[in-house]
Every structure is written in C-alpha cells, then in structure tokens.
Amino acid sequence: MKAMLPPGKTIGILGGGQLGRMMALAAKAMGFRIAVMEPKSDSPTGQVADEEVVATYDDRDGALQLAETCDVLTYEFENIDADTASFLEEKLYLPQGSKLLFTTQHRLREKQAIEGADVPVAPYRGVKTETDLTNALQELKCPAVLKTCQGGYDGKGQVVIKNEHEASEAFSVLGGGDRELVLESWIPFEKEISVIVTRSTTGEITTFPVGENVHQHNILHQTIVPARISSQTKDKAERIARRLAEKLELIGTLAVEMFVINEGTIYVNELAPRPHNSGHYTIEACETSQFAQHIRAVCGWPLGETALLKPVVMTNILGQHLSPVYENLKDLAKQGHVHLYGKEEAKHGRKMGHWTVLGESVEDALDRTENIWKTVSNAEQDN
C-alpha cells in the first residue's frame, strides 16, 4: 500500500471508452490530471484527458509512454491485454494488479475463482471439442447456453442451445476447436441484480445499493434502484459481493452480476473488475458515485458514503435512440439527467449515453421514465 495520492498527480487510464470518461471527470473534480491510452484519438476519455497516448492495448512502447506520464494506473474495461497490464505493473503503480484482470478475462477461470470463494454459480462445463459439448449437454441438459471463454459482451459470443440437434452449429458459430468455450445451464431466474463493490488500498470495503437489471435483446436497458427484492435477498447479495472482494483481493471496483432464482438462492453470473453500466445511477442518486469511489480506492483515499439519496431508474441510450433523444431532449432533460458519451458513430445497439430519472419512489421514477421513453421507443420503431 502507498500513501494517499495527492491532487495534482496524474492518473493513467487504460482504455478510452465511456467508463474511462466518467472516471476521468470524477478524478478531475478531485483535482487530478488524466492520461489515457487508446487505439484511436479523440476517444470519449481522450476528449476530457490531459494526455492521449494513441496505441493498441498490447503496444509496449505506448504502454511505456503512458507510464512516463502518470503516477498511478487503472483500467476501464477488462479486455485490456493482461500481458500488457502485467508489464505495466512492473513499471508503474497499478493498485488493481493484473491478476484479477487475467481471471475475469476468461469465463472458465472466472467461474472457478468464484467457486473458490465458496460462492455458487450456475452449473457449467468447459468445452474444447464437439465431443466435450455432447457430453456436457448430456449432463446439463437442454436448454443451455454455449459461450466463448474470452471476448463477447452485450449478448455477443454466446448461443442458446434449445435441443441437442443445435449443438454442432452452435459449436461452429462460436469458433469451437480454435477457441475455448464453456457450456452453462439455462437458469430460469426471477430477476437479475447487480452489486457494485469497492475495496481500497487500505482494505476498506463499501457496496452500493443493489440494482435490478432489465435487458432487451441481451443489452442492459434499465437499472432500477432499489431493486424490488426482499431485504433478505438484498443482504445476501451484498454479503456475496463483499466476500468476493475479499477473496479475490480486489483493489478498486467490482461489479457482481447475479441471478435471483428464488428467495434463498442466488447464482453469480459474471464479474467486471471496474465501474459498470448498472452503476451509472450512482452519479446522481448516491452520496458518492461509483466513479469517484473507484478513484478514491486506487488513490488510497477514504471511501465515500454510498447511501441512496432517492429511488432511481437509469435507461441506456443506444445508437438507434440517438435521433429521437435529440428530438425529445427538452422533455428528457426536464425529467432527468442526460449523459452522452461523445462517441463518433451511432451504431445500432451501441451504448451512446444514458438517462437517469430520480423519483419519490421506484414506481414514481418508473412512471416518469416510461411516460417519456415511450416517445423515444415509438420514434425508433418508425425509423
């Protein structure tokens, strides 16, 4: 552990997406300078950074250039090259380390690490060959979900197998034989929830209020907070997140996505070792945002309070929503907080921003959200 990093120092961020952007904005409010390494210039993070290093994530020269400009290093998404992170760990202060990054980049390693912390996951089997897949389906039964072990997000890199006749095609579509796969049991969950947990260089741990996540087409659509679950389920979810933070020796922020099967059963689905889409609501709705908390954690500052100020609904703005969002900007801005990420191209399904609405109750926040969002959705369907 190092002493508190004082304002005026430079925080390096590996990755230039929207998470890095919001991380950088939180850091700047605390008096820090920002350097970013990203393959393209004028990235969302680069737009608000003091220094841009334009280099691929496995570029050692670029990594060394970044190391020369900053006093502490963090990353904004887990697909950063783990070897580069390990290399930088030797050259620079990387409080998060490369170990958890290496673990969470690979679904099979991640599941084994979760089980190693005595936390349950859905039944799964590793798959390298079609024979492996056939045997795994006999054990886990259909339906099941076949996923790539590396890469893939927002529903990409996975195929639902409804019957055994679909297995061979799914194996081929995901590049089986050339890449490792994992088969997971299909879980008929009641709700999907997530907990953002932060652990600092001093070992201090906080959790943010449990979010209830609603997906559309395998992409997060809304996060509703507080989650509409029992207090027992909420407490259990928070305990699981804290346990993982301790067992995995987390430094920084970890998003723990979970399936609620019933009142007494929760499975952890995925981990993300950085701020997370389902935690964006914290910017307006909590005493401390997930981004400011992450900066506090890696810089050795005391962690902030995480209490929920008001019930909240966060809605993602995707590429297909952007035009109707602009057309209805006055109403959206009147009812809530519009965040746009400065991305160059608005692609269908690409996260371009988010919209946060606070209310006196969850029902109030949902009603106020849906009254306006239905206009955006209708305009999207007309286009």
Protein backbone atom coordinates (compact mmCIF):
# COMPACT_ATOMS: atom_id res chain seq x y z
CA MET A 1 0.00 0.00 0.00
CA LYS A 2 1.16 3.52 -0.83
CA ALA A 3 0.24 6.80 0.82
CA MET A 4 -2.73 8.82 -0.42
CA LEU A 5 -2.07 10.18 -3.88
CA PRO A 6 -2.43 13.97 -3.64
CA PRO A 7 -4.39 16.15 -6.06
CA GLY A 8 -2.32 17.43 -8.96
CA LYS A 9 -0.88 13.99 -9.74
CA THR A 10 -1.75 12.16 -12.96
CA ILE A 11 -3.95 9.07 -13.17
CA GLY A 12 -3.38 6.88 -16.23
CA ILE A 13 -6.36 5.04 -17.71
CA LEU A 14 -6.01 2.02 -20.00
CA GLY A 15 -8.97 2.25 -22.37
CA GLY A 16 -10.76 5.27 -23.76
CA GLY A 17 -14.47 4.40 -23.57
CA GLN A 18 -17.33 5.92 -21.64
CA LEU A 19 -16.33 4.32 -18.35
CA GLY A 20 -12.93 5.95 -18.57
CA ARG A 21 -14.60 9.24 -19.49
CA MET A 22 -16.81 9.26 -16.39
CA MET A 23 -13.88 8.05 -14.28
CA ALA A 24 -11.77 10.92 -15.62
CA LEU A 25 -14.47 13.51 -14.93
CA ALA A 26 -14.76 12.28 -11.33
CA ALA A 27 -10.97 12.38 -10.94
CA LYS A 28 -10.75 15.90 -12.34
CA ALA A 29 -13.34 17.08 -9.80
CA MET A 30 -10.93 15.77 -7.14
CA GLY A 31 -8.01 17.74 -8.64
CA PHE A 32 -6.21 15.01 -10.62
CA ARG A 33 -4.86 15.10 -14.15
CA ILE A 34 -5.65 12.32 -16.63
CA ALA A 35 -3.65 10.40 -19.24
CA VAL A 36 -5.31 7.78 -21.44
CA MET A 37 -4.07 5.02 -23.77
CA GLU A 38 -6.50 4.09 -26.54
CA PRO A 39 -6.02 2.92 -30.16
CA LYS A 40 -7.95 5.89 -31.59
CA SER A 41 -7.55 9.58 -30.88
CA ASP A 42 -10.48 11.70 -29.65
CA SER A 43 -12.00 8.79 -27.74
CA PRO A 44 -14.67 9.51 -25.12
CA THR A 45 -11.94 9.52 -22.45
CA GLY A 46 -9.44 11.30 -24.68
CA GLN A 47 -11.86 14.21 -25.08
CA VAL A 48 -11.58 15.01 -21.36
CA ALA A 49 -8.00 13.83 -20.73
CA ASP A 50 -4.87 15.95 -20.36
CA GLU A 51 -2.67 13.48 -22.26
CA GLU A 52 -3.56 10.99 -25.01
CA VAL A 53 -1.35 8.05 -25.96
CA VAL A 54 -2.67 6.59 -29.21
CA ALA A 55 -1.61 2.93 -29.18
CA THR A 56 -3.13 -0.54 -29.18
CA TYR A 57 -3.57 -2.22 -25.81
CA ASP A 58 -0.69 -4.64 -26.44
CA ASP A 59 1.73 -1.92 -27.63
CA ARG A 60 4.65 -1.98 -25.17
CA ASP A 61 6.09 1.31 -26.46
CA GLY A 62 2.75 3.00 -25.98
CA ALA A 63 2.47 1.45 -22.54
CA LEU A 64 5.87 2.82 -21.57
CA GLN A 65 4.89 6.25 -22.89
CA LEU A 66 1.78 6.13 -20.70
CA ALA A 67 3.87 5.03 -17.71
CA GLU A 68 6.12 8.06 -18.13
CA THR A 69 3.21 10.47 -17.87
CA CYS A 70 1.29 9.15 -14.85
CA ASP A 71 1.69 8.41 -11.14
CA VAL A 72 -0.92 5.67 -10.79
CA LEU A 73 -2.58 3.44 -13.37
CA THR A 74 -6.08 1.99 -13.66
CA TYR A 75 -8.16 0.39 -16.43
CA GLU A 76 -11.71 0.95 -17.62
CA PHE A 77 -12.61 -2.42 -19.11
CA GLU A 78 -11.39 -5.97 -18.69
CA ASN A 79 -10.43 -6.72 -22.30
CA ILE A 80 -7.21 -4.78 -21.89
CA ASP A 81 -4.34 -7.12 -22.73
CA ALA A 82 -3.43 -8.83 -19.44
CA ASP A 83 0.21 -9.26 -20.51
CA THR A 84 0.48 -5.50 -21.10
CA ALA A 85 -1.11 -4.84 -17.71
CA SER A 86 1.39 -7.22 -16.09
CA PHE A 87 4.23 -5.46 -17.94
CA LEU A 88 2.99 -2.07 -16.71
CA GLU A 89 2.60 -3.43 -13.20
CA GLU A 90 6.39 -3.84 -13.17
CA LYS A 91 6.95 -0.31 -14.47
CA LEU A 92 4.27 1.62 -12.64
CA TYR A 93 1.93 1.58 -9.66
CA LEU A 94 -1.13 -0.45 -10.74
CA PRO A 95 -3.07 -0.96 -7.48
CA GLN A 96 -5.62 -3.29 -9.12
CA GLY A 97 -2.82 -5.54 -10.33
CA SER A 98 -3.11 -7.82 -13.34
CA LYS A 99 -4.23 -10.99 -11.53
CA LEU A 100 -7.95 -10.20 -11.29
CA LEU A 101 -7.87 -8.82 -14.83
CA PHE A 102 -6.41 -12.14 -16.03
CA THR A 103 -9.10 -14.06 -14.14
CA THR A 104 -12.11 -12.10 -15.34
CA GLN A 105 -10.98 -12.07 -18.99
CA HIS A 106 -11.73 -15.78 -19.20
CA ARG A 107 -15.17 -17.14 -18.28
CA LEU A 108 -13.89 -20.53 -17.15
CA ARG A 109 -11.18 -19.04 -14.91
CA GLU A 110 -13.72 -16.58 -13.56
CA LYS A 111 -16.23 -19.28 -12.62
CA GLN A 112 -13.52 -21.34 -10.95
CA ALA A 113 -12.41 -18.30 -8.94
CA ILE A 114 -15.99 -17.59 -7.83
CA GLU A 115 -16.43 -21.20 -6.73
CA GLY A 116 -13.07 -20.96 -4.96
CA ALA A 117 -14.59 -18.18 -2.85
CA ASP A 118 -17.44 -20.58 -1.88
CA VAL A 119 -19.95 -18.58 -3.93
CA PRO A 120 -22.38 -20.53 -6.16
CA VAL A 121 -22.51 -20.21 -9.96
CA ALA A 122 -24.81 -21.91 -12.46
CA PRO A 123 -23.68 -25.44 -13.37
CA TYR A 124 -21.12 -25.34 -16.21
CA ARG A 125 -18.63 -27.42 -18.17
CA GLY A 126 -15.55 -26.42 -20.16
CA VAL A 127 -15.74 -27.29 -23.87
CA LYS A 128 -12.79 -27.78 -26.25
CA THR A 129 -14.21 -30.32 -28.71
CA GLU A 130 -17.61 -31.30 -30.09
CA THR A 131 -17.37 -34.47 -28.01
CA ASP A 132 -16.92 -32.31 -24.91
CA LEU A 133 -20.07 -30.41 -25.90
CA THR A 134 -22.08 -33.60 -26.45
CA ASN A 135 -21.02 -34.94 -23.05
CA ALA A 136 -21.69 -31.60 -21.34
CA LEU A 137 -25.22 -31.43 -22.81
CA GLN A 138 -25.94 -34.93 -21.54
CA GLU A 139 -25.02 -33.75 -18.04
CA LEU A 140 -26.52 -30.25 -18.01
CA LYS A 141 -29.47 -30.93 -20.37
CA CYS A 142 -31.15 -28.50 -22.75
CA PRO A 143 -31.74 -25.65 -22.95
CA ALA A 144 -28.21 -24.47 -22.20
CA VAL A 145 -26.01 -21.54 -23.20
CA LEU A 146 -22.72 -22.02 -25.04
CA LYS A 147 -20.31 -19.11 -24.62
CA THR A 148 -16.82 -18.17 -25.72
CA CYS A 149 -14.40 -18.09 -22.81
CA GLN A 150 -12.88 -14.81 -23.97
CA GLY A 151 -14.41 -11.77 -25.60
CA GLY A 152 -18.11 -11.22 -26.04
CA TYR A 153 -20.40 -8.72 -24.34
CA ASP A 154 -23.99 -7.50 -24.63
CA GLY A 155 -25.10 -10.94 -25.81
CA LYS A 156 -22.24 -11.41 -28.28
CA GLY A 157 -20.14 -14.56 -28.13
CA GLN A 158 -22.95 -16.82 -26.94
CA VAL A 159 -25.62 -19.11 -28.40
CA VAL A 160 -28.63 -20.68 -26.70
CA ILE A 161 -28.88 -24.41 -27.47
CA LYS A 162 -32.55 -25.42 -27.23
CA ASN A 163 -32.03 -29.06 -28.25
CA GLU A 164 -29.10 -31.35 -28.97
CA HIS A 165 -29.55 -31.02 -32.75
CA GLU A 166 -28.43 -27.36 -32.49
CA ALA A 167 -25.17 -28.21 -30.74
CA SER A 168 -22.94 -28.71 -33.79
CA GLU A 169 -23.99 -25.42 -35.41
CA ALA A 170 -23.53 -23.51 -32.14
CA PHE A 171 -20.06 -25.01 -31.76
CA SER A 172 -19.15 -23.91 -35.27
CA VAL A 173 -20.66 -20.40 -34.99
CA LEU A 174 -18.58 -19.68 -31.86
CA GLY A 175 -15.36 -20.94 -33.40
CA GLY A 176 -15.20 -24.16 -31.43
CA GLY A 177 -11.99 -26.12 -31.90
CA ASP A 178 -10.00 -22.91 -32.33
CA ARG A 179 -11.07 -21.29 -29.08
CA GLU A 180 -12.16 -22.42 -25.63
CA LEU A 181 -15.88 -22.47 -24.88
CA VAL A 182 -17.99 -23.00 -21.79
CA LEU A 183 -21.47 -24.52 -21.55
CA GLU A 184 -23.77 -23.16 -18.84
CA SER A 185 -27.12 -24.45 -17.64
CA TRP A 186 -30.08 -22.31 -18.58
CA ILE A 187 -31.22 -20.56 -15.42
CA PRO A 188 -34.93 -19.61 -15.16
CA PHE A 189 -34.22 -16.68 -12.85
CA GLU A 190 -36.79 -14.37 -11.28
CA LYS A 191 -34.62 -11.27 -11.51
CA GLU A 192 -31.13 -10.23 -12.49
CA ILE A 193 -29.45 -7.95 -9.98
CA SER A 194 -26.02 -6.42 -9.56
CA VAL A 195 -23.94 -5.08 -6.72
CA ILE A 196 -21.07 -2.63 -7.19
CA VAL A 197 -18.46 -3.26 -4.51
CA THR A 198 -15.31 -1.21 -3.92
CA ARG A 199 -12.23 -2.10 -1.91
CA SER A 200 -9.46 0.42 -1.36
CA THR A 201 -5.71 0.03 -0.98
CA THR A 202 -6.32 0.23 2.80
CA GLY A 203 -8.75 -2.73 2.76
CA GLU A 204 -11.84 -0.57 3.35
CA ILE A 205 -14.92 -2.01 1.59
CA THR A 206 -18.22 -0.42 0.55
CA THR A 207 -21.16 -1.62 -1.53
CA PHE A 208 -23.66 0.44 -3.48
CA PRO A 209 -27.42 -0.23 -3.27
CA VAL A 210 -28.50 -3.36 -5.15
CA GLY A 211 -29.66 -2.67 -8.71
CA GLU A 212 -32.34 -4.59 -10.58
CA ASN A 213 -31.39 -5.00 -14.23
CA VAL A 214 -33.78 -5.25 -17.17
CA HIS A 215 -32.36 -6.40 -20.53
CA GLN A 216 -33.68 -6.03 -24.06
CA HIS A 217 -32.05 -8.07 -26.85
CA ASN A 218 -29.28 -9.10 -24.42
CA ILE A 219 -28.30 -5.46 -23.77
CA LEU A 220 -28.91 -3.73 -20.46
CA HIS A 221 -31.94 -1.48 -20.91
CA GLN A 222 -32.64 -0.22 -17.40
CA THR A 223 -31.32 -0.44 -13.87
CA ILE A 224 -33.92 0.10 -11.14
CA VAL A 225 -32.78 1.03 -7.63
CA PRO A 226 -33.61 -0.06 -5.03
CA ALA A 227 -34.10 -3.48 -6.57
CA ARG A 228 -37.57 -4.91 -6.00
CA ILE A 229 -36.36 -7.82 -3.87
CA SER A 230 -36.74 -8.84 -0.24
CA SER A 231 -34.44 -7.46 2.43
CA GLN A 232 -33.08 -10.99 2.96
CA THR A 233 -32.12 -11.29 -0.72
CA LYS A 234 -30.59 -7.80 -0.67
CA ASP A 235 -28.48 -8.64 2.38
CA LYS A 236 -27.36 -11.92 0.84
CA ALA A 237 -26.35 -10.22 -2.43
CA GLU A 238 -24.29 -7.63 -0.55
CA ARG A 239 -22.59 -10.35 1.51
CA ILE A 240 -21.68 -12.23 -1.68
CA ALA A 241 -20.16 -9.09 -3.21
CA ARG A 242 -18.12 -8.35 -0.08
CA ARG A 243 -16.92 -11.96 0.13
CA LEU A 244 -15.73 -11.89 -3.47
CA ALA A 245 -13.97 -8.56 -2.92
CA GLU A 246 -12.03 -10.03 -0.02
CA LYS A 247 -11.29 -13.46 -1.51
CA LEU A 248 -10.20 -12.04 -4.86
CA GLU A 249 -8.11 -9.37 -3.09
CA LEU A 250 -9.89 -6.66 -5.05
CA ILE A 251 -8.47 -3.16 -5.27
CA GLY A 252 -10.83 -0.73 -6.98
CA THR A 253 -14.32 -1.54 -8.20
CA LEU A 254 -16.00 -4.84 -8.98
CA ALA A 255 -19.47 -5.30 -10.49
CA VAL A 256 -21.07 -8.59 -9.43
CA GLU A 257 -23.96 -9.65 -11.66
CA MET A 258 -26.28 -12.22 -10.09
CA PHE A 259 -29.37 -14.27 -10.88
CA VAL A 260 -32.06 -14.42 -8.20
CA ILE A 261 -33.60 -17.88 -8.54
CA ASN A 262 -35.89 -17.65 -5.52
CA GLU A 263 -35.89 -16.18 -2.04
CA GLY A 264 -33.00 -18.32 -0.86
CA THR A 265 -30.92 -18.96 -3.98
CA ILE A 266 -28.60 -16.58 -5.82
CA TYR A 267 -26.09 -17.53 -8.52
CA VAL A 268 -23.29 -15.19 -9.57
CA ASN A 269 -23.39 -14.80 -13.35
CA GLU A 270 -20.44 -12.55 -14.22
CA LEU A 271 -17.82 -10.25 -12.73
CA ALA A 272 -16.46 -6.99 -14.13
CA PRO A 273 -13.38 -5.58 -12.35
CA ARG A 274 -14.19 -1.89 -12.99
CA PRO A 275 -17.13 0.52 -12.87
CA HIS A 276 -20.17 -0.90 -14.62
CA ASN A 277 -23.14 0.15 -16.73
CA SER A 278 -25.54 -0.91 -13.96
CA GLY A 279 -23.81 1.53 -11.58
CA HIS A 280 -24.30 4.69 -13.65
CA TYR A 281 -27.28 5.64 -11.48
CA THR A 282 -24.85 6.40 -8.63
CA ILE A 283 -23.73 9.66 -10.29
CA GLU A 284 -26.93 11.46 -9.29
CA ALA A 285 -28.62 9.05 -6.90
CA CYS A 286 -25.89 8.28 -4.33
CA GLU A 287 -23.75 10.35 -1.99
CA THR A 288 -20.67 9.13 -3.89
CA SER A 289 -20.65 7.87 -7.49
CA GLN A 290 -19.08 4.55 -8.47
CA PHE A 291 -16.51 6.53 -10.49
CA ALA A 292 -15.43 8.80 -7.64
CA GLN A 293 -15.32 5.74 -5.36
CA HIS A 294 -13.05 3.91 -7.78
CA ILE A 295 -10.68 6.86 -7.94
CA ARG A 296 -10.68 7.11 -4.14
CA ALA A 297 -9.90 3.37 -3.89
CA VAL A 298 -6.92 3.28 -6.26
CA CYS A 299 -5.52 6.56 -4.90
CA GLY A 300 -5.68 5.44 -1.26
CA TRP A 301 -8.32 7.96 -0.20
CA PRO A 302 -11.01 7.12 2.36
CA LEU A 303 -14.06 5.70 0.61
CA GLY A 304 -17.17 7.86 0.40
CA GLU A 305 -20.65 7.13 1.72
CA THR A 306 -22.84 5.15 -0.69
CA ALA A 307 -26.33 5.83 0.66
CA LEU A 308 -29.13 6.15 -1.90
CA LEU A 309 -30.49 9.71 -1.94
CA LYS A 310 -33.65 8.86 -3.92
CA PRO A 311 -35.11 5.91 -5.84
CA VAL A 312 -33.86 5.95 -9.41
CA VAL A 313 -34.21 4.43 -12.87
CA MET A 314 -31.26 4.52 -15.31
CA THR A 315 -32.04 3.90 -19.01
CA ASN A 316 -29.39 3.23 -21.64
CA ILE A 317 -29.36 5.37 -24.79
CA LEU A 318 -28.33 3.20 -27.75
CA GLY A 319 -27.38 4.19 -31.26
CA GLN A 320 -30.90 3.76 -32.61
CA HIS A 321 -32.23 6.02 -29.83
CA LEU A 322 -29.95 8.96 -30.52
CA SER A 323 -32.06 10.86 -33.07
CA PRO A 324 -35.32 10.60 -31.06
CA VAL A 325 -33.39 11.52 -27.90
CA TYR A 326 -32.24 14.74 -29.58
CA GLU A 327 -35.80 15.38 -30.77
CA ASN A 328 -37.15 14.95 -27.23
CA LEU A 329 -34.15 16.40 -25.40
CA LYS A 330 -36.14 19.14 -23.68
CA ASP A 331 -38.51 16.64 -22.03
CA LEU A 332 -35.70 14.22 -21.17
CA ALA A 333 -33.64 16.99 -19.60
CA LYS A 334 -36.61 18.32 -17.66
CA GLN A 335 -37.39 14.97 -16.07
CA GLY A 336 -33.87 13.65 -15.52
CA HIS A 337 -30.16 13.75 -16.26
CA VAL A 338 -28.95 13.10 -19.81
CA HIS A 339 -25.40 11.77 -20.27
CA LEU A 340 -23.91 11.46 -23.76
CA TYR A 341 -20.51 9.88 -24.27
CA GLY A 342 -19.08 11.69 -27.29
CA LYS A 343 -18.74 8.57 -29.44
CA GLU A 344 -18.02 9.16 -33.08
CA GLU A 345 -20.52 6.77 -34.68
CA ALA A 346 -24.03 5.86 -33.53
CA LYS A 347 -24.38 2.16 -34.34
CA HIS A 348 -27.47 0.08 -33.63
CA GLY A 349 -27.11 -1.45 -30.16
CA ARG A 350 -24.07 0.67 -29.28
CA LYS A 351 -24.21 2.46 -25.94
CA MET A 352 -24.14 6.18 -26.71
CA GLY A 353 -25.29 7.54 -23.37
CA HIS A 354 -27.71 7.07 -20.50
CA TRP A 355 -30.61 8.89 -18.87
CA THR A 356 -31.22 8.92 -15.12
CA VAL A 357 -34.58 9.77 -13.52
CA LEU A 358 -34.98 10.15 -9.74
CA GLY A 359 -38.35 9.82 -8.04
CA GLU A 360 -40.08 9.78 -4.69
CA SER A 361 -40.49 6.01 -5.10
CA VAL A 362 -39.43 3.34 -7.58
CA GLU A 363 -42.94 3.46 -9.05
CA ASP A 364 -42.73 7.23 -9.45
CA ALA A 365 -39.32 7.04 -11.15
CA LEU A 366 -40.55 4.27 -13.47
CA ASP A 367 -43.74 6.17 -14.39
CA ARG A 368 -41.85 9.36 -15.15
CA THR A 369 -39.32 7.40 -17.20
CA GLU A 370 -41.84 5.45 -19.25
CA ASN A 371 -44.06 8.47 -19.95
CA ILE A 372 -41.22 10.00 -21.97
CA TRP A 373 -39.24 6.95 -23.08
CA LYS A 374 -42.24 5.52 -24.96
CA THR A 375 -41.95 8.51 -27.31
CA VAL A 376 -38.29 7.64 -27.94
CA SER A 377 -39.14 3.96 -28.48
CA ASN A 378 -42.01 4.75 -30.86
CA ALA A 379 -39.80 7.06 -32.90
CA GLU A 380 -37.12 4.35 -33.05
CA GLN A 381 -39.64 1.84 -34.41
CA ASP A 382 -40.86 4.32 -37.04
CA ASN A 383 -37.33 4.84 -38.40
